[in-house]
Amino acid sequence: MGSTRAGQLVGPGRMVFVEAPLEALRAGDVLVRSRYASICGSDLHVVHHGIDTEPSLWAPGYPGHEGVGEVVESRAPGFAPGDEVLVVPPVPQSRCFSEWQRVRAGSVLRLEGPLPPLDQVLMAQQLGTVVFAARQQPWDVAGRTVVVIGQGSAGLFWAWWLKRAGAARVVVADRSPSRLGVSPRFGADVVVDAGVDDLTDVVMDLTSGVGADAVVEAVGRRETLLQSVGLCREGGLLCWFGLPDTDDPVPIDFRQFFRRKLTAFSTYGAQTEPGLVSFRVALEFIRRGEIDVRPLLSHLLPVEEIEQAFRLADSCEDGVLKVSISF
């Protein structure tokens, strides 16, 4: 059957390198040889906080769900050996931290036509999840003030999307100088170091005490989820995009939420969207050069160093933007 080099979750906070047997292909599967995978914030929550996971899911390659590679065997129509593909599985089925991974055909998107290098194409997975979430609600932000909390890859993509939608002023916040340093390249007009300045004070000063027209929480921490409600103006729109860092209930100031007549939503499911439409849209943005994802590509480590890669991604040390894995 052969074996694969992979990262594997073996215990809380422990992502280690292993060599493991390949999973047998089933009808409707393709076998992909991975070129690159990247670490998502939700991967950190799974590995370090045990969010939405259990040991029965801890197969080699899990929880990686941002991948790109080449089909080497197909048991599904529409795919053939040699096809380059973006791999976007639902997290419970994810194996992107494995050099050889079994994937359902519905979770791969064949790459066609001229494209930038595959490490840039890989960023279409995260961008696609933002595109999917943004398409679930009307964003009437033309000429308005919006706030994005968090400037990891998701927060940067949200800033870019909202600026593209016509926002007059995009306010972003993070504690990482390196992330904030690239934020203007993704559409940020006002950059707030949350470790130095109070974001709520900044937003209220900018809006004469009214608040932002729309707020995206792209961190997934209890503190920022709670803070997000107080940043919105009356009648504003609030998107809770970040996966919370706990399975416990997250406190929300409902009185403030109620009195401000806010509309809030949270969504996921880009990986199961029929036709993977949002990922296709993301690929086109990258293909046409409408978004330059190169500033995100800060760190690339071999799969043998996956434990170090997770520590680095979790540290948010200065200089860390997106940590990717190579095979």
Protein backbone atom coordinates (compact mmCIF):
# COMPACT_ATOMS: atom_id res chain seq x y z
CA MET A 1 0.00 0.00 0.00
CA GLY A 2 2.92 2.37 0.64
CA SER A 3 3.38 5.09 3.22
CA THR A 4 3.19 8.85 3.52
CA ARG A 5 5.07 11.54 5.36
CA ALA A 6 2.61 13.52 7.44
CA GLY A 7 1.89 15.62 10.46
CA GLN A 8 -0.38 14.01 13.00
CA LEU A 9 -2.22 15.28 16.05
CA VAL A 10 -1.38 12.84 18.86
CA GLY A 11 -2.54 14.77 21.91
CA PRO A 12 -3.58 18.24 23.08
CA GLY A 13 -1.06 20.69 21.66
CA ARG A 14 1.04 17.91 20.08
CA MET A 15 1.37 17.92 16.30
CA VAL A 16 4.24 15.58 15.32
CA PHE A 17 5.85 14.21 12.16
CA VAL A 18 5.02 10.59 11.30
CA GLU A 19 5.36 8.09 8.47
CA ALA A 20 2.05 6.29 8.12
CA PRO A 21 0.32 3.81 5.79
CA LEU A 22 -1.67 5.26 2.90
CA GLU A 23 -5.45 5.09 3.11
CA ALA A 24 -7.01 2.85 0.44
CA LEU A 25 -8.90 4.70 -2.27
CA ARG A 26 -12.66 4.28 -2.59
CA ALA A 27 -14.96 4.98 -5.51
CA GLY A 28 -15.24 8.75 -5.84
CA ASP A 29 -11.75 9.39 -4.37
CA VAL A 30 -8.60 10.87 -5.83
CA LEU A 31 -5.09 10.40 -4.50
CA VAL A 32 -3.27 13.72 -4.35
CA ARG A 33 0.43 14.22 -3.89
CA SER A 34 0.64 17.41 -1.86
CA ARG A 35 2.95 20.23 -2.86
CA TYR A 36 2.01 22.72 -0.14
CA ALA A 37 -0.39 23.05 2.78
CA SER A 38 -0.93 26.00 5.09
CA ILE A 39 -1.90 26.38 8.73
CA CYS A 40 -5.26 28.00 9.39
CA GLY A 41 -6.27 29.71 12.61
CA SER A 42 -8.92 27.03 13.07
CA ASP A 43 -6.14 24.40 12.93
CA LEU A 44 -4.53 26.13 15.91
CA HIS A 45 -7.83 26.03 17.79
CA VAL A 46 -8.22 22.32 17.02
CA VAL A 47 -4.65 21.40 18.02
CA HIS A 48 -4.08 23.74 20.97
CA HIS A 49 -7.59 24.13 22.36
CA GLY A 50 -9.32 20.91 21.29
CA ILE A 51 -12.16 22.79 19.60
CA ASP A 52 -14.64 20.69 17.58
CA THR A 53 -12.44 17.59 17.58
CA GLU A 54 -12.03 14.17 19.12
CA PRO A 55 -9.33 11.46 18.91
CA SER A 56 -11.30 9.42 16.37
CA LEU A 57 -10.57 12.19 13.82
CA TRP A 58 -6.81 12.32 14.41
CA ALA A 59 -5.65 10.60 11.22
CA PRO A 60 -2.29 11.46 9.62
CA GLY A 61 -2.67 14.81 7.84
CA TYR A 62 -5.53 16.07 10.02
CA PRO A 63 -6.63 18.86 10.55
CA GLY A 64 -5.02 20.42 7.45
CA HIS A 65 -7.69 21.68 5.04
CA GLU A 66 -5.73 24.19 2.93
CA GLY A 67 -3.78 22.28 0.30
CA VAL A 68 -2.57 22.21 -3.27
CA GLY A 69 -0.99 19.35 -5.21
CA GLU A 70 -1.21 16.92 -8.10
CA VAL A 71 -3.56 14.01 -8.75
CA VAL A 72 -1.61 10.75 -9.04
CA GLU A 73 -4.56 8.32 -9.10
CA SER A 74 -8.26 8.85 -9.69
CA ARG A 75 -11.32 6.78 -8.89
CA ALA A 76 -13.61 9.65 -9.88
CA PRO A 77 -14.77 11.03 -13.24
CA GLY A 78 -13.36 14.40 -14.25
CA PHE A 79 -9.91 13.92 -12.72
CA ALA A 80 -6.83 12.28 -14.15
CA PRO A 81 -3.22 11.76 -13.08
CA GLY A 82 -1.25 14.94 -13.62
CA ASP A 83 -4.12 17.33 -12.81
CA GLU A 84 -3.03 20.11 -10.48
CA VAL A 85 -5.70 20.76 -7.86
CA LEU A 86 -6.68 22.98 -4.98
CA VAL A 87 -7.70 20.76 -2.05
CA VAL A 88 -10.50 22.11 0.18
CA PRO A 89 -11.97 19.28 2.32
CA PRO A 90 -14.34 19.77 5.25
CA VAL A 91 -12.23 19.69 8.40
CA PRO A 92 -13.42 16.26 9.67
CA GLN A 93 -12.21 14.74 6.37
CA SER A 94 -9.06 16.83 6.05
CA ARG A 95 -5.63 15.30 5.38
CA CYS A 96 -3.71 18.22 3.83
CA PHE A 97 -0.75 17.85 6.22
CA SER A 98 0.02 14.55 4.46
CA GLU A 99 2.25 14.19 1.40
CA TRP A 100 -0.09 11.61 -0.12
CA GLN A 101 -3.73 12.19 0.75
CA ARG A 102 -7.00 10.53 -0.11
CA VAL A 103 -9.62 13.14 -0.98
CA ARG A 104 -13.23 12.98 -2.10
CA ALA A 105 -13.54 14.34 -5.63
CA GLY A 106 -16.05 16.91 -4.44
CA SER A 107 -13.33 18.52 -2.33
CA VAL A 108 -10.83 19.20 -5.10
CA LEU A 109 -10.83 21.92 -7.70
CA ARG A 110 -8.85 21.32 -10.89
CA LEU A 111 -6.49 24.17 -11.75
CA GLU A 112 -6.70 25.24 -15.38
CA GLY A 113 -5.14 27.96 -17.47
CA PRO A 114 -2.28 30.28 -16.50
CA LEU A 115 -1.86 30.71 -12.77
CA PRO A 116 0.84 32.07 -10.45
CA PRO A 117 3.07 29.63 -8.53
CA LEU A 118 1.27 27.03 -6.44
CA ASP A 119 2.28 28.55 -3.10
CA GLN A 120 0.24 31.61 -4.12
CA VAL A 121 -2.62 29.53 -5.50
CA LEU A 122 -2.83 27.86 -2.07
CA MET A 123 -4.07 31.17 -0.61
CA ALA A 124 -7.30 30.75 -2.61
CA GLN A 125 -8.57 28.36 0.06
CA GLN A 126 -8.62 30.96 2.84
CA LEU A 127 -9.76 33.69 0.46
CA GLY A 128 -12.56 31.41 -0.72
CA THR A 129 -13.94 31.02 2.80
CA VAL A 130 -14.10 34.81 3.12
CA VAL A 131 -15.77 35.12 -0.28
CA PHE A 132 -18.31 32.49 0.77
CA ALA A 133 -19.14 34.25 4.05
CA ALA A 134 -19.33 37.67 2.41
CA ARG A 135 -21.78 36.38 -0.20
CA GLN A 136 -24.24 35.30 2.49
CA GLN A 137 -25.24 38.89 3.32
CA PRO A 138 -25.73 42.17 1.44
CA TRP A 139 -22.84 44.50 2.32
CA ASP A 140 -24.03 48.06 1.78
CA VAL A 141 -20.71 49.60 2.75
CA ALA A 142 -20.09 52.03 -0.12
CA GLY A 143 -18.80 55.27 1.38
CA ARG A 144 -19.02 53.87 4.93
CA THR A 145 -16.73 52.98 7.82
CA VAL A 146 -16.02 49.31 8.52
CA VAL A 147 -13.86 47.54 11.11
CA VAL A 148 -11.99 44.26 10.84
CA ILE A 149 -10.69 42.81 14.12
CA GLY A 150 -7.69 40.58 13.45
CA GLN A 151 -5.20 40.72 10.58
CA GLY A 152 -4.32 37.11 10.04
CA SER A 153 -4.93 35.91 6.50
CA ALA A 154 -8.72 35.90 7.00
CA GLY A 155 -8.75 39.43 8.42
CA LEU A 156 -6.52 40.72 5.63
CA PHE A 157 -8.82 39.15 3.05
CA TRP A 158 -11.85 40.69 4.74
CA ALA A 159 -10.22 44.13 4.64
CA TRP A 160 -9.51 43.65 0.93
CA TRP A 161 -13.07 42.47 0.21
CA LEU A 162 -14.72 45.36 2.07
CA LYS A 163 -12.48 47.94 0.43
CA ARG A 164 -13.32 46.39 -2.92
CA ALA A 165 -17.02 46.67 -1.99
CA GLY A 166 -16.58 50.44 -1.70
CA ALA A 167 -15.94 51.09 1.99
CA ALA A 168 -14.60 54.61 2.42
CA ARG A 169 -12.67 53.80 5.57
CA VAL A 170 -11.42 50.36 6.57
CA VAL A 171 -10.20 50.24 10.17
CA VAL A 172 -8.18 47.17 11.17
CA ALA A 173 -6.73 46.01 14.46
CA ASP A 174 -4.24 43.39 15.58
CA ARG A 175 -1.40 42.95 18.08
CA SER A 176 1.19 41.86 15.51
CA PRO A 177 3.35 44.61 13.99
CA SER A 178 4.16 42.41 10.98
CA ARG A 179 0.49 41.83 10.20
CA LEU A 180 -0.37 45.48 10.65
CA GLY A 181 2.58 46.38 8.45
CA VAL A 182 1.03 44.69 5.41
CA SER A 183 -2.58 45.72 6.16
CA PRO A 184 -2.50 48.85 3.96
CA ARG A 185 -1.61 46.63 0.99
CA PHE A 186 -4.92 44.82 1.55
CA GLY A 187 -7.06 47.94 1.82
CA ALA A 188 -6.67 49.18 5.39
CA ASP A 189 -6.97 52.94 5.83
CA VAL A 190 -6.56 53.06 9.61
CA VAL A 191 -4.27 50.60 11.41
CA VAL A 192 -4.67 50.07 15.16
CA ASP A 193 -2.13 48.26 17.33
CA ALA A 194 -4.50 46.68 19.83
CA GLY A 195 -1.61 46.11 22.22
CA VAL A 196 -1.09 49.87 22.46
CA ASP A 197 -4.37 51.62 21.66
CA ASP A 198 -7.97 50.85 22.58
CA LEU A 199 -9.82 49.94 19.39
CA THR A 200 -13.19 51.08 20.75
CA ASP A 201 -11.80 54.53 21.57
CA VAL A 202 -10.25 54.82 18.10
CA VAL A 203 -13.46 53.84 16.31
CA MET A 204 -15.59 56.19 18.39
CA ASP A 205 -13.18 59.06 17.78
CA LEU A 206 -13.22 58.41 14.03
CA THR A 207 -17.02 58.24 13.88
CA SER A 208 -17.84 61.04 16.36
CA GLY A 209 -19.21 58.50 18.80
CA VAL A 210 -21.58 56.82 16.33
CA GLY A 211 -19.71 53.56 15.68
CA ALA A 212 -18.84 51.60 12.54
CA ASP A 213 -21.38 50.65 9.90
CA ALA A 214 -20.08 47.06 9.75
CA VAL A 215 -17.71 45.01 11.91
CA VAL A 216 -16.01 41.70 11.17
CA GLU A 217 -14.52 39.72 14.05
CA ALA A 218 -11.82 37.56 12.43
CA VAL A 219 -9.91 36.47 15.55
CA GLY A 220 -12.17 34.09 17.44
CA ARG A 221 -11.28 35.13 20.98
CA ARG A 222 -13.78 35.68 23.76
CA GLU A 223 -12.48 39.20 24.38
CA THR A 224 -12.77 40.36 20.78
CA LEU A 225 -16.14 38.70 20.24
CA LEU A 226 -17.45 40.63 23.23
CA GLN A 227 -15.79 43.85 22.07
CA SER A 228 -17.26 43.61 18.57
CA VAL A 229 -20.80 44.48 19.69
CA GLY A 230 -19.70 47.83 21.11
CA LEU A 231 -18.00 48.89 17.87
CA CYS A 232 -21.17 48.93 15.74
CA ARG A 233 -23.42 51.90 15.16
CA GLU A 234 -27.17 51.58 15.66
CA GLY A 235 -28.54 49.33 12.93
CA GLY A 236 -25.07 48.12 11.99
CA LEU A 237 -24.00 44.74 10.61
CA LEU A 238 -21.80 42.38 12.60
CA CYS A 239 -20.07 39.27 11.22
CA TRP A 240 -18.61 36.77 13.70
CA PHE A 241 -16.17 34.99 11.38
CA GLY A 242 -13.49 33.76 13.78
CA LEU A 243 -13.93 30.30 15.30
CA PRO A 244 -14.06 30.80 19.10
CA ASP A 245 -11.05 29.52 21.04
CA THR A 246 -13.26 27.65 23.49
CA ASP A 247 -16.14 25.17 23.50
CA ASP A 248 -17.63 27.09 26.43
CA PRO A 249 -20.34 29.73 25.91
CA VAL A 250 -18.97 33.10 24.83
CA PRO A 251 -20.29 36.17 26.70
CA ILE A 252 -22.16 38.78 24.68
CA ASP A 253 -23.56 42.10 25.92
CA PHE A 254 -27.09 41.41 24.76
CA ARG A 255 -28.54 44.66 26.16
CA GLN A 256 -26.12 46.67 24.02
CA PHE A 257 -26.77 44.36 21.05
CA PHE A 258 -30.54 44.83 21.50
CA ARG A 259 -30.48 48.59 22.02
CA ARG A 260 -28.32 49.15 18.96
CA LYS A 261 -30.67 47.08 16.77
CA LEU A 262 -27.77 45.14 15.32
CA THR A 263 -27.87 42.42 12.71
CA ALA A 264 -25.30 39.71 13.38
CA PHE A 265 -24.45 36.54 11.52
CA SER A 266 -21.93 33.74 11.44
CA THR A 267 -21.54 31.15 8.73
CA TYR A 268 -19.36 28.37 7.44
CA GLY A 269 -19.61 25.73 4.73
CA ALA A 270 -17.58 26.93 1.76
CA GLN A 271 -16.10 23.41 1.52
CA THR A 272 -19.53 21.90 0.87
CA GLU A 273 -20.88 24.63 -1.42
CA PRO A 274 -22.17 23.05 -4.65
CA GLY A 275 -19.54 23.48 -7.34
CA LEU A 276 -17.10 25.04 -4.85
CA VAL A 277 -18.16 28.37 -6.38
CA SER A 278 -16.52 30.65 -3.80
CA PHE A 279 -13.14 28.96 -4.22
CA ARG A 280 -13.47 29.37 -7.99
CA VAL A 281 -14.16 33.07 -7.51
CA ALA A 282 -11.12 33.35 -5.22
CA LEU A 283 -8.92 31.64 -7.79
CA GLU A 284 -10.05 34.12 -10.43
CA PHE A 285 -9.19 37.08 -8.20
CA ILE A 286 -5.68 35.67 -7.79
CA ARG A 287 -5.37 34.66 -11.45
CA ARG A 288 -6.33 38.15 -12.68
CA GLY A 289 -4.01 39.86 -10.22
CA GLU A 290 -6.86 41.68 -8.46
CA ILE A 291 -5.29 40.65 -5.16
CA ASP A 292 -1.60 40.13 -4.49
CA VAL A 293 -1.23 37.34 -1.93
CA ARG A 294 2.57 37.31 -1.95
CA PRO A 295 2.92 39.41 1.23
CA LEU A 296 1.26 36.56 3.15
CA LEU A 297 3.93 34.01 2.26
CA SER A 298 6.16 34.61 5.25
CA HIS A 299 7.24 31.12 6.39
CA LEU A 300 7.63 27.77 4.63
CA LEU A 301 8.78 24.69 6.57
CA PRO A 302 9.16 21.04 5.48
CA VAL A 303 6.61 18.57 6.79
CA GLU A 304 9.31 17.02 9.00
CA GLU A 305 9.25 20.30 10.99
CA ILE A 306 5.49 20.50 11.40
CA GLU A 307 5.72 20.67 15.19
CA GLN A 308 7.91 23.76 14.91
CA ALA A 309 5.57 25.16 12.23
CA PHE A 310 2.60 24.97 14.61
CA ARG A 311 4.56 26.61 17.41
CA LEU A 312 5.58 29.38 15.04
CA ALA A 313 2.03 29.92 13.75
CA ASP A 314 0.67 30.03 17.30
CA SER A 315 3.35 32.44 18.52
CA CYS A 316 2.37 35.35 16.23
CA GLU A 317 5.98 36.46 16.57
CA ASP A 318 6.90 39.52 14.57
CA GLY A 319 7.38 38.50 10.96
CA VAL A 320 4.86 35.63 11.05
CA LEU A 321 1.96 36.06 8.65
CA LYS A 322 1.09 32.68 7.11
CA VAL A 323 2.99 29.49 7.92
CA SER A 324 2.93 26.89 5.16
CA ILE A 325 4.18 23.31 4.89
CA SER A 326 6.14 21.91 1.93
CA PHE A 327 6.51 18.28 0.85
